[in-house]
PDB file of N, CA and C in Angstrom:
ATOM      1  N   MET A   1      91.262 111.510  96.832  1.00  0.00           N
ATOM      2  CA  MET A   1      91.147 110.310  97.613  1.00  0.00           C
ATOM      3  C   MET A   1      91.543 109.126  96.726  1.00  0.00           C
ATOM      4  N   PRO A   2      92.458 108.315  97.183  1.00  0.00           N
ATOM      5  CA  PRO A   2      92.904 107.181  96.378  1.00  0.00           C
ATOM      6  C   PRO A   2      91.912 106.015  96.417  1.00  0.00           C
ATOM      7  N   CYS A   3      91.840 105.341  95.302  1.00  0.00           N
ATOM      8  CA  CYS A   3      90.978 104.154  95.196  1.00  0.00           C
ATOM      9  C   CYS A   3      91.768 102.899  95.523  1.00  0.00           C
ATOM     10  N   CYS A   4      91.049 101.870  95.897  1.00  0.00           N
ATOM     11  CA  CYS A   4      91.671 100.572  96.128  1.00  0.00           C
ATOM     12  C   CYS A   4      90.772  99.503  95.522  1.00  0.00           C
ATOM     13  N   TYR A   5      91.306  98.297  95.426  1.00  0.00           N
ATOM     14  CA  TYR A   5      90.539  97.202  94.835  1.00  0.00           C
ATOM     15  C   TYR A   5      90.655  95.908  95.627  1.00  0.00           C
ATOM     16  N   ASP A   6      91.584  95.859  96.580  1.00  0.00           N
ATOM     17  CA  ASP A   6      91.732  94.666  97.414  1.00  0.00           C
ATOM     18  C   ASP A   6      92.385  95.075  98.733  1.00  0.00           C
ATOM     19  N   ALA A   7      92.628  94.079  99.590  1.00  0.00           N
ATOM     20  CA  ALA A   7      93.185  94.358 100.911  1.00  0.00           C
ATOM     21  C   ALA A   7      94.570  94.993 100.835  1.00  0.00           C
ATOM     22  N   LEU A   8      95.412  94.519  99.934  1.00  0.00           N
ATOM     23  CA  LEU A   8      96.767  95.056  99.827  1.00  0.00           C
ATOM     24  C   LEU A   8      96.758  96.512  99.379  1.00  0.00           C
ATOM     25  N   SER A   9      96.006  96.811  98.343  1.00  0.00           N
ATOM     26  CA  SER A   9      95.969  98.203  97.876  1.00  0.00           C
ATOM     27  C   SER A   9      95.362  99.115  98.941  1.00  0.00           C
ATOM     28  N   ALA A  10      94.412  98.607  99.707  1.00  0.00           N
ATOM     29  CA  ALA A  10      93.820  99.405 100.793  1.00  0.00           C
ATOM     30  C   ALA A  10      94.849  99.670 101.887  1.00  0.00           C
ATOM     31  N   ARG A  11      95.663  98.670 102.204  1.00  0.00           N
ATOM     32  CA  ARG A  11      96.707  98.880 103.214  1.00  0.00           C
ATOM     33  C   ARG A  11      97.736  99.898 102.751  1.00  0.00           C
ATOM     34  N   LEU A  12      98.050  99.883 101.468  1.00  0.00           N
ATOM     35  CA  LEU A  12      98.993 100.868 100.936  1.00  0.00           C
ATOM     36  C   LEU A  12      98.423 102.280 101.063  1.00  0.00           C
ATOM     37  N   VAL A  13      97.131 102.415 100.805  1.00  0.00           N
ATOM     38  CA  VAL A  13      96.467 103.718 100.967  1.00  0.00           C
ATOM     39  C   VAL A  13      96.556 104.158 102.427  1.00  0.00           C
ATOM     40  N   GLU A  14      96.244 103.253 103.327  1.00  0.00           N
ATOM     41  CA  GLU A  14      96.290 103.570 104.757  1.00  0.00           C
ATOM     42  C   GLU A  14      97.709 103.916 105.201  1.00  0.00           C
ATOM     43  N   GLN A  15      98.687 103.132 104.785  1.00  0.00           N
ATOM     44  CA  GLN A  15     100.078 103.376 105.180  1.00  0.00           C
ATOM     45  C   GLN A  15     100.611 104.694 104.619  1.00  0.00           C
ATOM     46  N   ALA A  16     100.060 105.132 103.504  1.00  0.00           N
ATOM     47  CA  ALA A  16     100.471 106.411 102.923  1.00  0.00           C
ATOM     48  C   ALA A  16      99.885 107.592 103.694  1.00  0.00           C
ATOM     49  N   GLY A  17      99.003 107.307 104.643  1.00  0.00           N
ATOM     50  CA  GLY A  17      98.481 108.359 105.506  1.00  0.00           C
ATOM     51  C   GLY A  17      97.154 108.963 105.101  1.00  0.00           C
ATOM     52  N   PHE A  18      96.489 108.369 104.115  1.00  0.00           N
ATOM     53  CA  PHE A  18      95.196 108.904 103.708  1.00  0.00           C
ATOM     54  C   PHE A  18      94.138 108.546 104.754  1.00  0.00           C
ATOM     55  N   PRO A  19      93.175 109.456 104.998  1.00  0.00           N
ATOM     56  CA  PRO A  19      92.183 109.219 106.051  1.00  0.00           C
ATOM     57  C   PRO A  19      91.049 108.276 105.640  1.00  0.00           C
ATOM     58  N   LEU A  20      90.919 107.983 104.339  1.00  0.00           N
ATOM     59  CA  LEU A  20      89.890 107.071 103.870  1.00  0.00           C
ATOM     60  C   LEU A  20      90.253 106.586 102.468  1.00  0.00           C
ATOM     61  N   THR A  21      89.501 105.611 101.984  1.00  0.00           N
ATOM     62  CA  THR A  21      89.728 105.076 100.642  1.00  0.00           C
ATOM     63  C   THR A  21      88.396 104.789  99.971  1.00  0.00           C
ATOM     64  N   PHE A  22      88.454 104.597  98.685  1.00  0.00           N
ATOM     65  CA  PHE A  22      87.265 104.332  97.876  1.00  0.00           C
ATOM     66  C   PHE A  22      87.441 102.997  97.177  1.00  0.00           C
ATOM     67  N   VAL A  23      86.553 102.047  97.445  1.00  0.00           N
ATOM     68  CA  VAL A  23      86.581 100.757  96.760  1.00  0.00           C
ATOM     69  C   VAL A  23      85.834 100.969  95.448  1.00  0.00           C
ATOM     70  N   SER A  24      86.596 101.197  94.413  1.00  0.00           N
ATOM     71  CA  SER A  24      86.076 101.616  93.124  1.00  0.00           C
ATOM     72  C   SER A  24      85.702 100.429  92.247  1.00  0.00           C
ATOM     73  N   GLY A  25      84.538 100.506  91.637  1.00  0.00           N
ATOM     74  CA  GLY A  25      84.129  99.468  90.697  1.00  0.00           C
ATOM     75  C   GLY A  25      85.092  99.358  89.531  1.00  0.00           C
ATOM     76  N   PHE A  26      85.588 100.511  89.072  1.00  0.00           N
ATOM     77  CA  PHE A  26      86.575 100.511  87.994  1.00  0.00           C
ATOM     78  C   PHE A  26      87.831  99.760  88.426  1.00  0.00           C
ATOM     79  N   SER A  27      88.326 100.046  89.637  1.00  0.00           N
ATOM     80  CA  SER A  27      89.551  99.410  90.119  1.00  0.00           C
ATOM     81  C   SER A  27      89.379  97.907  90.302  1.00  0.00           C
ATOM     82  N   VAL A  28      88.257  97.511  90.877  1.00  0.00           N
ATOM     83  CA  VAL A  28      88.007  96.081  91.073  1.00  0.00           C
ATOM     84  C   VAL A  28      87.882  95.388  89.719  1.00  0.00           C
ATOM     85  N   SER A  29      87.195  96.016  88.772  1.00  0.00           N
ATOM     86  CA  SER A  29      87.082  95.457  87.418  1.00  0.00           C
ATOM     87  C   SER A  29      88.454  95.315  86.770  1.00  0.00           C
ATOM     88  N   ALA A  30      89.249  96.379  86.846  1.00  0.00           N
ATOM     89  CA  ALA A  30      90.574  96.360  86.221  1.00  0.00           C
ATOM     90  C   ALA A  30      91.468  95.290  86.821  1.00  0.00           C
ATOM     91  N   SER A  31      91.349  95.062  88.132  1.00  0.00           N
ATOM     92  CA  SER A  31      92.180  94.036  88.776  1.00  0.00           C
ATOM     93  C   SER A  31      91.824  92.631  88.293  1.00  0.00           C
ATOM     94  N   ARG A  32      90.664  92.492  87.684  1.00  0.00           N
ATOM     95  CA  ARG A  32      90.222  91.198  87.141  1.00  0.00           C
ATOM     96  C   ARG A  32      90.271  91.187  85.612  1.00  0.00           C
ATOM     97  N   ALA A  33      90.962  92.180  85.052  1.00  0.00           N
ATOM     98  CA  ALA A  33      91.111  92.311  83.593  1.00  0.00           C
ATOM     99  C   ALA A  33      89.762  92.414  82.891  1.00  0.00           C
ATOM    100  N   LEU A  34      88.831  93.129  83.526  1.00  0.00           N
ATOM    101  CA  LEU A  34      87.507  93.346  82.954  1.00  0.00           C
ATOM    102  C   LEU A  34      87.304  94.840  82.700  1.00  0.00           C
ATOM    103  N   PRO A  35      86.526  95.191  81.695  1.00  0.00           N
ATOM    104  CA  PRO A  35      86.186  96.601  81.508  1.00  0.00           C
ATOM    105  C   PRO A  35      85.159  97.029  82.552  1.00  0.00           C
ATOM    106  N   ASP A  36      85.089  98.318  82.808  1.00  0.00           N
ATOM    107  CA  ASP A  36      84.125  98.845  83.777  1.00  0.00           C
ATOM    108  C   ASP A  36      82.795  99.083  83.066  1.00  0.00           C
ATOM    109  N   THR A  37      82.142  97.997  82.717  1.00  0.00           N
ATOM    110  CA  THR A  37      80.888  98.079  81.958  1.00  0.00           C
ATOM    111  C   THR A  37      79.765  97.311  82.639  1.00  0.00           C
ATOM    112  N   GLY A  38      79.828  97.187  83.948  1.00  0.00           N
ATOM    113  CA  GLY A  38      78.772  96.510  84.676  1.00  0.00           C
ATOM    114  C   GLY A  38      78.884  94.996  84.706  1.00  0.00           C
ATOM    115  N   LEU A  39      80.063  94.466  84.430  1.00  0.00           N
ATOM    116  CA  LEU A  39      80.233  93.012  84.435  1.00  0.00           C
ATOM    117  C   LEU A  39      80.415  92.441  85.835  1.00  0.00           C
ATOM    118  N   LEU A  40      80.867  93.268  86.774  1.00  0.00           N
ATOM    119  CA  LEU A  40      81.027  92.786  88.150  1.00  0.00           C
ATOM    120  C   LEU A  40      79.665  92.648  88.814  1.00  0.00           C
ATOM    121  N   SER A  41      79.512  91.601  89.578  1.00  0.00           N
ATOM    122  CA  SER A  41      78.250  91.379  90.281  1.00  0.00           C
ATOM    123  C   SER A  41      78.281  92.054  91.650  1.00  0.00           C
ATOM    124  N   TYR A  42      77.132  92.154  92.241  1.00  0.00           N
ATOM    125  CA  TYR A  42      77.015  92.661  93.614  1.00  0.00           C
ATOM    126  C   TYR A  42      77.883  91.817  94.541  1.00  0.00           C
ATOM    127  N   GLY A  43      77.834  90.517  94.393  1.00  0.00           N
ATOM    128  CA  GLY A  43      78.604  89.622  95.262  1.00  0.00           C
ATOM    129  C   GLY A  43      80.102  89.851  95.160  1.00  0.00           C
ATOM    130  N   GLU A  44      80.585  90.107  93.962  1.00  0.00           N
ATOM    131  CA  GLU A  44      82.016  90.372  93.786  1.00  0.00           C
ATOM    132  C   GLU A  44      82.422  91.685  94.452  1.00  0.00           C
ATOM    133  N   MET A  45      81.602  92.696  94.314  1.00  0.00           N
ATOM    134  CA  MET A  45      81.911  93.974  94.962  1.00  0.00           C
ATOM    135  C   MET A  45      81.793  93.860  96.480  1.00  0.00           C
ATOM    136  N   LEU A  46      80.803  93.128  96.950  1.00  0.00           N
ATOM    137  CA  LEU A  46      80.640  92.935  98.384  1.00  0.00           C
ATOM    138  C   LEU A  46      81.842  92.198  98.965  1.00  0.00           C
ATOM    139  N   ASP A  47      82.337  91.200  98.252  1.00  0.00           N
ATOM    140  CA  ASP A  47      83.520  90.461  98.679  1.00  0.00           C
ATOM    141  C   ASP A  47      84.724  91.396  98.780  1.00  0.00           C
ATOM    142  N   SER A  48      84.878  92.264  97.798  1.00  0.00           N
ATOM    143  CA  SER A  48      85.970  93.247  97.839  1.00  0.00           C
ATOM    144  C   SER A  48      85.815  94.177  99.030  1.00  0.00           C
ATOM    145  N   MET A  49      84.579  94.631  99.299  1.00  0.00           N
ATOM    146  CA  MET A  49      84.336  95.507 100.451  1.00  0.00           C
ATOM    147  C   MET A  49      84.722  94.818 101.759  1.00  0.00           C
ATOM    148  N   ARG A  50      84.338  93.557 101.893  1.00  0.00           N
ATOM    149  CA  ARG A  50      84.680  92.810 103.117  1.00  0.00           C
ATOM    150  C   ARG A  50      86.191  92.692 103.283  1.00  0.00           C
ATOM    151  N   ASN A  51      86.883  92.345 102.213  1.00  0.00           N
ATOM    152  CA  ASN A  51      88.337  92.183 102.278  1.00  0.00           C
ATOM    153  C   ASN A  51      89.031  93.491 102.638  1.00  0.00           C
ATOM    154  N   VAL A  52      88.622  94.565 102.019  1.00  0.00           N
ATOM    155  CA  VAL A  52      89.221  95.872 102.294  1.00  0.00           C
ATOM    156  C   VAL A  52      88.936  96.284 103.733  1.00  0.00           C
ATOM    157  N   SER A  53      87.709  96.154 104.160  1.00  0.00           N
ATOM    158  CA  SER A  53      87.330  96.569 105.509  1.00  0.00           C
ATOM    159  C   SER A  53      88.081  95.783 106.578  1.00  0.00           C
ATOM    160  N   ALA A  54      88.303  94.503 106.322  1.00  0.00           N
ATOM    161  CA  ALA A  54      89.019  93.673 107.297  1.00  0.00           C
ATOM    162  C   ALA A  54      90.499  94.027 107.366  1.00  0.00           C
ATOM    163  N   ALA A  55      91.029  94.626 106.317  1.00  0.00           N
ATOM    164  CA  ALA A  55      92.462  94.882 106.242  1.00  0.00           C
ATOM    165  C   ALA A  55      92.889  96.238 106.797  1.00  0.00           C
ATOM    166  N   VAL A  56      91.969  97.195 106.882  1.00  0.00           N
ATOM    167  CA  VAL A  56      92.352  98.552 107.277  1.00  0.00           C
ATOM    168  C   VAL A  56      91.466  99.085 108.399  1.00  0.00           C
ATOM    169  N   CYS A  57      91.937 100.149 109.016  1.00  0.00           N
ATOM    170  CA  CYS A  57      91.167 100.815 110.078  1.00  0.00           C
ATOM    171  C   CYS A  57      90.554 102.118 109.608  1.00  0.00           C
ATOM    172  N   ILE A  58      90.853 102.538 108.387  1.00  0.00           N
ATOM    173  CA  ILE A  58      90.293 103.783 107.865  1.00  0.00           C
ATOM    174  C   ILE A  58      88.928 103.503 107.238  1.00  0.00           C
ATOM    175  N   PRO A  59      88.076 104.514 107.158  1.00  0.00           N
ATOM    176  CA  PRO A  59      86.770 104.314 106.519  1.00  0.00           C
ATOM    177  C   PRO A  59      86.907 104.046 105.023  1.00  0.00           C
ATOM    178  N   CYS A  60      85.907 103.363 104.494  1.00  0.00           N
ATOM    179  CA  CYS A  60      85.869 103.027 103.071  1.00  0.00           C
ATOM    180  C   CYS A  60      84.602 103.613 102.457  1.00  0.00           C
ATOM    181  N   ILE A  61      84.721 104.017 101.221  1.00  0.00           N
ATOM    182  CA  ILE A  61      83.545 104.381 100.441  1.00  0.00           C
ATOM    183  C   ILE A  61      83.319 103.239  99.473  1.00  0.00           C
ATOM    184  N   GLY A  62      82.115 102.747  99.416  1.00  0.00           N
ATOM    185  CA  GLY A  62      81.797 101.641  98.523  1.00  0.00           C
ATOM    186  C   GLY A  62      81.096 102.123  97.269  1.00  0.00           C
ATOM    187  N   ASP A  63      81.540 101.662  96.126  1.00  0.00           N
ATOM    188  CA  ASP A  63      80.924 102.007  94.848  1.00  0.00           C
ATOM    189  C   ASP A  63      79.697 101.123  94.647  1.00  0.00           C
ATOM    190  N   GLY A  64      78.531 101.704  94.853  1.00  0.00           N
ATOM    191  CA  GLY A  64      77.289 100.961  94.715  1.00  0.00           C
ATOM    192  C   GLY A  64      76.729 100.978  93.309  1.00  0.00           C
ATOM    193  N   ASP A  65      77.434 101.640  92.401  1.00  0.00           N
ATOM    194  CA  ASP A  65      77.034 101.712  91.000  1.00  0.00           C
ATOM    195  C   ASP A  65      75.578 102.173  90.917  1.00  0.00           C
ATOM    196  N   THR A  66      74.724 101.409  90.269  1.00  0.00           N
ATOM    197  CA  THR A  66      73.306 101.765  90.205  1.00  0.00           C
ATOM    198  C   THR A  66      72.478 100.906  91.153  1.00  0.00           C
ATOM    199  N   GLY A  67      73.134 100.190  92.040  1.00  0.00           N
ATOM    200  CA  GLY A  67      72.425  99.373  93.003  1.00  0.00           C
ATOM    201  C   GLY A  67      72.231  97.938  92.556  1.00  0.00           C
ATOM    202  N   TYR A  68      72.709  97.591  91.371  1.00  0.00           N
ATOM    203  CA  TYR A  68      72.674  96.217  90.857  1.00  0.00           C
ATOM    204  C   TYR A  68      71.270  95.689  90.626  1.00  0.00           C
ATOM    205  N   GLY A  69      70.417  96.506  90.096  1.00  0.00           N
ATOM    206  CA  GLY A  69      69.090  96.016  89.741  1.00  0.00           C
ATOM    207  C   GLY A  69      67.993  96.991  90.105  1.00  0.00           C
ATOM    208  N   ASN A  70      66.871  96.442  90.531  1.00  0.00           N
ATOM    209  CA  ASN A  70      65.708  97.266  90.847  1.00  0.00           C
ATOM    210  C   ASN A  70      65.808  97.845  92.260  1.00  0.00           C
ATOM    211  N   GLU A  71      64.712  98.385  92.738  1.00  0.00           N
ATOM    212  CA  GLU A  71      64.698  99.048  94.035  1.00  0.00           C
ATOM    213  C   GLU A  71      65.052  98.108  95.179  1.00  0.00           C
ATOM    214  N   VAL A  72      64.620  96.875  95.098  1.00  0.00           N
ATOM    215  CA  VAL A  72      64.941  95.898  96.137  1.00  0.00           C
ATOM    216  C   VAL A  72      66.451  95.651  96.168  1.00  0.00           C
ATOM    217  N   ASN A  73      67.071  95.591  94.996  1.00  0.00           N
ATOM    218  CA  ASN A  73      68.511  95.379  94.918  1.00  0.00           C
ATOM    219  C   ASN A  73      69.299  96.568  95.462  1.00  0.00           C
ATOM    220  N   VAL A  74      68.799  97.771  95.242  1.00  0.00           N
ATOM    221  CA  VAL A  74      69.476  98.955  95.782  1.00  0.00           C
ATOM    222  C   VAL A  74      69.483  98.880  97.306  1.00  0.00           C
ATOM    223  N   LYS A  75      68.361  98.547  97.873  1.00  0.00           N
ATOM    224  CA  LYS A  75      68.265  98.414  99.325  1.00  0.00           C
ATOM    225  C   LYS A  75      69.229  97.337  99.830  1.00  0.00           C
ATOM    226  N   ARG A  76      69.283  96.231  99.132  1.00  0.00           N
ATOM    227  CA  ARG A  76      70.187  95.136  99.486  1.00  0.00           C
ATOM    228  C   ARG A  76      71.648  95.585  99.384  1.00  0.00           C
ATOM    229  N   THR A  77      71.970  96.344  98.350  1.00  0.00           N
ATOM    230  CA  THR A  77      73.338  96.836  98.164  1.00  0.00           C
ATOM    231  C   THR A  77      73.754  97.729  99.322  1.00  0.00           C
ATOM    232  N   VAL A  78      72.914  98.679  99.677  1.00  0.00           N
ATOM    233  CA  VAL A  78      73.236  99.589 100.776  1.00  0.00           C
ATOM    234  C   VAL A  78      73.414  98.815 102.073  1.00  0.00           C
ATOM    235  N   ARG A  79      72.493  97.935 102.373  1.00  0.00           N
ATOM    236  CA  ARG A  79      72.600  97.132 103.604  1.00  0.00           C
ATOM    237  C   ARG A  79      73.862  96.277 103.604  1.00  0.00           C
ATOM    238  N   GLY A  80      74.107  95.608 102.500  1.00  0.00           N
ATOM    239  CA  GLY A  80      75.269  94.729 102.411  1.00  0.00           C
ATOM    240  C   GLY A  80      76.569  95.478 102.599  1.00  0.00           C
ATOM    241  N   TYR A  81      76.693  96.639 101.962  1.00  0.00           N
ATOM    242  CA  TYR A  81      77.922  97.417 102.083  1.00  0.00           C
ATOM    243  C   TYR A  81      78.111  97.931 103.501  1.00  0.00           C
ATOM    244  N   VAL A  82      77.040  98.385 104.122  1.00  0.00           N
ATOM    245  CA  VAL A  82      77.144  98.890 105.496  1.00  0.00           C
ATOM    246  C   VAL A  82      77.559  97.761 106.441  1.00  0.00           C
ATOM    247  N   ARG A  83      77.019  96.572 106.231  1.00  0.00           N
ATOM    248  CA  ARG A  83      77.403  95.422 107.069  1.00  0.00           C
ATOM    249  C   ARG A  83      78.829  94.962 106.778  1.00  0.00           C
ATOM    250  N   ALA A  84      79.236  95.030 105.531  1.00  0.00           N
ATOM    251  CA  ALA A  84      80.570  94.566 105.140  1.00  0.00           C
ATOM    252  C   ALA A  84      81.663  95.468 105.683  1.00  0.00           C
ATOM    253  N   ALA A  85      81.393  96.742 105.776  1.00  0.00           N
ATOM    254  CA  ALA A  85      82.412  97.710 106.188  1.00  0.00           C
ATOM    255  C   ALA A  85      81.888  98.579 107.322  1.00  0.00           C
ATOM    256  N   PRO A  86      82.037  98.102 108.557  1.00  0.00           N
ATOM    257  CA  PRO A  86      81.493  98.857 109.694  1.00  0.00           C
ATOM    258  C   PRO A  86      82.062 100.268 109.827  1.00  0.00           C
ATOM    259  N   ARG A  87      83.250 100.494 109.309  1.00  0.00           N
ATOM    260  CA  ARG A  87      83.848 101.828 109.371  1.00  0.00           C
ATOM    261  C   ARG A  87      83.572 102.609 108.098  1.00  0.00           C
ATOM    262  N   MET A  88      82.634 102.136 107.322  1.00  0.00           N
ATOM    263  CA  MET A  88      82.347 102.788 106.051  1.00  0.00           C
ATOM    264  C   MET A  88      81.831 104.196 106.283  1.00  0.00           C
ATOM    265  N   ALA A  89      82.350 105.111 105.507  1.00  0.00           N
ATOM    266  CA  ALA A  89      81.902 106.490 105.605  1.00  0.00           C
ATOM    267  C   ALA A  89      80.641 106.710 104.790  1.00  0.00           C
ATOM    268  N   VAL A  90      80.647 106.281 103.541  1.00  0.00           N
ATOM    269  CA  VAL A  90      79.518 106.529 102.664  1.00  0.00           C
ATOM    270  C   VAL A  90      79.355 105.414 101.636  1.00  0.00           C
ATOM    271  N   VAL A  91      78.199 105.388 101.038  1.00  0.00           N
ATOM    272  CA  VAL A  91      77.905 104.465  99.946  1.00  0.00           C
ATOM    273  C   VAL A  91      77.601 105.310  98.721  1.00  0.00           C
ATOM    274  N   ASP A  92      78.210 104.996  97.604  1.00  0.00           N
ATOM    275  CA  ASP A  92      77.993 105.739  96.369  1.00  0.00           C
ATOM    276  C   ASP A  92      77.000 104.965  95.514  1.00  0.00           C
ATOM    277  N   VAL A  93      75.812 105.487  95.389  1.00  0.00           N
ATOM    278  CA  VAL A  93      74.763 104.881  94.560  1.00  0.00           C
ATOM    279  C   VAL A  93      74.133 106.012  93.762  1.00  0.00           C
ATOM    280  N   ALA A  94      73.725 105.727  92.553  1.00  0.00           N
ATOM    281  CA  ALA A  94      73.057 106.752  91.760  1.00  0.00           C
ATOM    282  C   ALA A  94      71.902 107.337  92.570  1.00  0.00           C
ATOM    283  N   GLU A  95      71.818 108.655  92.623  1.00  0.00           N
ATOM    284  CA  GLU A  95      70.878 109.351  93.508  1.00  0.00           C
ATOM    285  C   GLU A  95      69.434 108.904  93.321  1.00  0.00           C
ATOM    286  N   MET A  96      68.975 108.842  92.104  1.00  0.00           N
ATOM    287  CA  MET A  96      67.568 108.510  91.873  1.00  0.00           C
ATOM    288  C   MET A  96      67.262 107.099  92.328  1.00  0.00           C
ATOM    289  N   ARG A  97      68.168 106.179  92.115  1.00  0.00           N
ATOM    290  CA  ARG A  97      67.934 104.791  92.527  1.00  0.00           C
ATOM    291  C   ARG A  97      67.792 104.694  94.037  1.00  0.00           C
ATOM    292  N   LEU A  98      68.642 105.397  94.777  1.00  0.00           N
ATOM    293  CA  LEU A  98      68.579 105.327  96.225  1.00  0.00           C
ATOM    294  C   LEU A  98      67.290 105.942  96.741  1.00  0.00           C
ATOM    295  N   LYS A  99      66.904 107.070  96.188  1.00  0.00           N
ATOM    296  CA  LYS A  99      65.666 107.723  96.633  1.00  0.00           C
ATOM    297  C   LYS A  99      64.447 106.848  96.359  1.00  0.00           C
ATOM    298  N   GLU A 100      64.430 106.174  95.214  1.00  0.00           N
ATOM    299  CA  GLU A 100      63.304 105.315  94.868  1.00  0.00           C
ATOM    300  C   GLU A 100      63.230 104.093  95.772  1.00  0.00           C
ATOM    301  N   ALA A 101      64.385 103.516  96.060  1.00  0.00           N
ATOM    302  CA  ALA A 101      64.410 102.201  96.689  1.00  0.00           C
ATOM    303  C   ALA A 101      64.417 102.224  98.201  1.00  0.00           C
ATOM    304  N   VAL A 102      64.968 103.264  98.788  1.00  0.00           N
ATOM    305  CA  VAL A 102      65.174 103.237 100.225  1.00  0.00           C
ATOM    306  C   VAL A 102      64.547 104.455 100.893  1.00  0.00           C
ATOM    307  N   PRO A 103      63.225 104.587 100.805  1.00  0.00           N
ATOM    308  CA  PRO A 103      62.578 105.736 101.421  1.00  0.00           C
ATOM    309  C   PRO A 103      62.605 105.683 102.946  1.00  0.00           C
ATOM    310  N   CYS A 104      62.933 104.519 103.521  1.00  0.00           N
ATOM    311  CA  CYS A 104      62.908 104.385 104.974  1.00  0.00           C
ATOM    312  C   CYS A 104      64.225 104.801 105.627  1.00  0.00           C
ATOM    313  N   LEU A 105      65.190 105.304 104.860  1.00  0.00           N
ATOM    314  CA  LEU A 105      66.425 105.772 105.472  1.00  0.00           C
ATOM    315  C   LEU A 105      66.122 107.032 106.271  1.00  0.00           C
ATOM    316  N   SER A 106      66.534 107.057 107.519  1.00  0.00           N
ATOM    317  CA  SER A 106      66.187 108.203 108.348  1.00  0.00           C
ATOM    318  C   SER A 106      67.283 109.255 108.421  1.00  0.00           C
ATOM    319  N   THR A 107      68.530 108.896 108.157  1.00  0.00           N
ATOM    320  CA  THR A 107      69.598 109.883 108.279  1.00  0.00           C
ATOM    321  C   THR A 107      70.483 109.896 107.039  1.00  0.00           C
ATOM    322  N   VAL A 108      69.880 110.034 105.900  1.00  0.00           N
ATOM    323  CA  VAL A 108      70.651 110.116 104.664  1.00  0.00           C
ATOM    324  C   VAL A 108      70.914 111.577 104.358  1.00  0.00           C
ATOM    325  N   ARG A 109      72.163 111.893 104.056  1.00  0.00           N
ATOM    326  CA  ARG A 109      72.546 113.264 103.778  1.00  0.00           C
ATOM    327  C   ARG A 109      73.371 113.276 102.500  1.00  0.00           C
ATOM    328  N   LYS A 110      72.929 114.024 101.512  1.00  0.00           N
ATOM    329  CA  LYS A 110      73.675 114.133 100.265  1.00  0.00           C
ATOM    330  C   LYS A 110      74.868 115.056 100.489  1.00  0.00           C
ATOM    331  N   THR A 111      76.060 114.591 100.103  1.00  0.00           N
ATOM    332  CA  THR A 111      77.241 115.410 100.323  1.00  0.00           C
ATOM    333  C   THR A 111      77.904 115.885  99.043  1.00  0.00           C
ATOM    334  N   LEU A 112      77.557 115.311  97.903  1.00  0.00           N
ATOM    335  CA  LEU A 112      78.095 115.778  96.635  1.00  0.00           C
ATOM    336  C   LEU A 112      76.969 115.843  95.623  1.00  0.00           C
ATOM    337  N   ALA A 113      77.005 116.815  94.748  1.00  0.00           N
ATOM    338  CA  ALA A 113      76.007 116.920  93.694  1.00  0.00           C
ATOM    339  C   ALA A 113      76.587 116.379  92.408  1.00  0.00           C
ATOM    340  N   GLY A 114      75.739 116.113  91.467  1.00  0.00           N
ATOM    341  CA  GLY A 114      76.198 115.619  90.178  1.00  0.00           C
ATOM    342  C   GLY A 114      75.391 114.429  89.743  1.00  0.00           C
ATOM    343  N   GLU A 115      75.899 113.749  88.732  1.00  0.00           N
ATOM    344  CA  GLU A 115      75.191 112.582  88.210  1.00  0.00           C
ATOM    345  C   GLU A 115      75.059 111.512  89.290  1.00  0.00           C
ATOM    346  N   HIS A 116      76.117 111.306  90.043  1.00  0.00           N
ATOM    347  CA  HIS A 116      76.075 110.384  91.166  1.00  0.00           C
ATOM    348  C   HIS A 116      76.274 111.195  92.429  1.00  0.00           C
ATOM    349  N   CYS A 117      75.592 110.836  93.454  1.00  0.00           N
ATOM    350  CA  CYS A 117      75.711 111.549  94.711  1.00  0.00           C
ATOM    351  C   CYS A 117      76.219 110.602  95.770  1.00  0.00           C
ATOM    352  N   ILE A 118      76.880 111.158  96.730  1.00  0.00           N
ATOM    353  CA  ILE A 118      77.405 110.369  97.831  1.00  0.00           C
ATOM    354  C   ILE A 118      76.470 110.606  99.017  1.00  0.00           C
ATOM    355  N   PHE A 119      76.061 109.537  99.640  1.00  0.00           N
ATOM    356  CA  PHE A 119      75.140 109.633 100.760  1.00  0.00           C
ATOM    357  C   PHE A 119      75.817 109.118 102.027  1.00  0.00           C
ATOM    358  N   ALA A 120      75.618 109.833 103.111  1.00  0.00           N
ATOM    359  CA  ALA A 120      76.179 109.374 104.372  1.00  0.00           C
ATOM    360  C   ALA A 120      75.566 108.043 104.735  1.00  0.00           C
ATOM    361  N   ALA A 121      76.391 107.147 105.214  1.00  0.00           N
ATOM    362  CA  ALA A 121      75.917 105.800 105.512  1.00  0.00           C
ATOM    363  C   ALA A 121      75.666 105.609 106.997  1.00  0.00           C
ATOM    364  N   SER A 122      75.439 106.706 107.697  1.00  0.00           N
ATOM    365  CA  SER A 122      74.984 106.562 109.070  1.00  0.00           C
ATOM    366  C   SER A 122      73.500 106.257 108.984  1.00  0.00           C
ATOM    367  N   VAL A 123      73.235 105.061 108.528  1.00  0.00           N
ATOM    368  CA  VAL A 123      71.896 104.653 108.125  1.00  0.00           C
ATOM    369  C   VAL A 123      71.157 104.023 109.302  1.00  0.00           C
ATOM    370  N   VAL A 124      69.945 104.450 109.495  1.00  0.00           N
ATOM    371  CA  VAL A 124      69.074 103.827 110.478  1.00  0.00           C
ATOM    372  C   VAL A 124      67.883 103.299 109.731  1.00  0.00           C
ATOM    373  N   TRP A 125      67.678 102.004 109.780  1.00  0.00           N
ATOM    374  CA  TRP A 125      66.571 101.381 109.061  1.00  0.00           C
ATOM    375  C   TRP A 125      65.314 101.440 109.915  1.00  0.00           C
ATOM    376  N   ALA A 126      64.307 102.072 109.398  1.00  0.00           N
ATOM    377  CA  ALA A 126      63.042 102.239 110.126  1.00  0.00           C
ATOM    378  C   ALA A 126      62.083 101.129 109.756  1.00  0.00           C
ATOM    379  N   GLU A 127      62.439  99.919 110.116  1.00  0.00           N
ATOM    380  CA  GLU A 127      61.562  98.783 109.786  1.00  0.00           C
ATOM    381  C   GLU A 127      61.132  98.081 111.041  1.00  0.00           C
TER     382      GLU A 127
END
């Protein structure tokens, strides 16, 4: 699956015929001449998610990194990404952070194993 970092790169992915794209923290960092060492803020990644989502019709995977802080921030990250990209397929957040922070998710399904797990973002908030 190809990664993108802005609206143009996302459109190129879509035009090439891929069924989805990944808004990668590494790619967004590199496009700003920054190393992928956690220098990007939640707001910068959210802005990238909004731009990509507005530019394409294919689903996006958002790189949630470690959720940008404590448990409250993880919850905010998941909500923000889901709102930013209505066609989003999944949110990538470190597994332990998501489990700790968002126990009220009713339809979370782990689809990949490993250090980071991908969770389905067909999220229903039980609040």
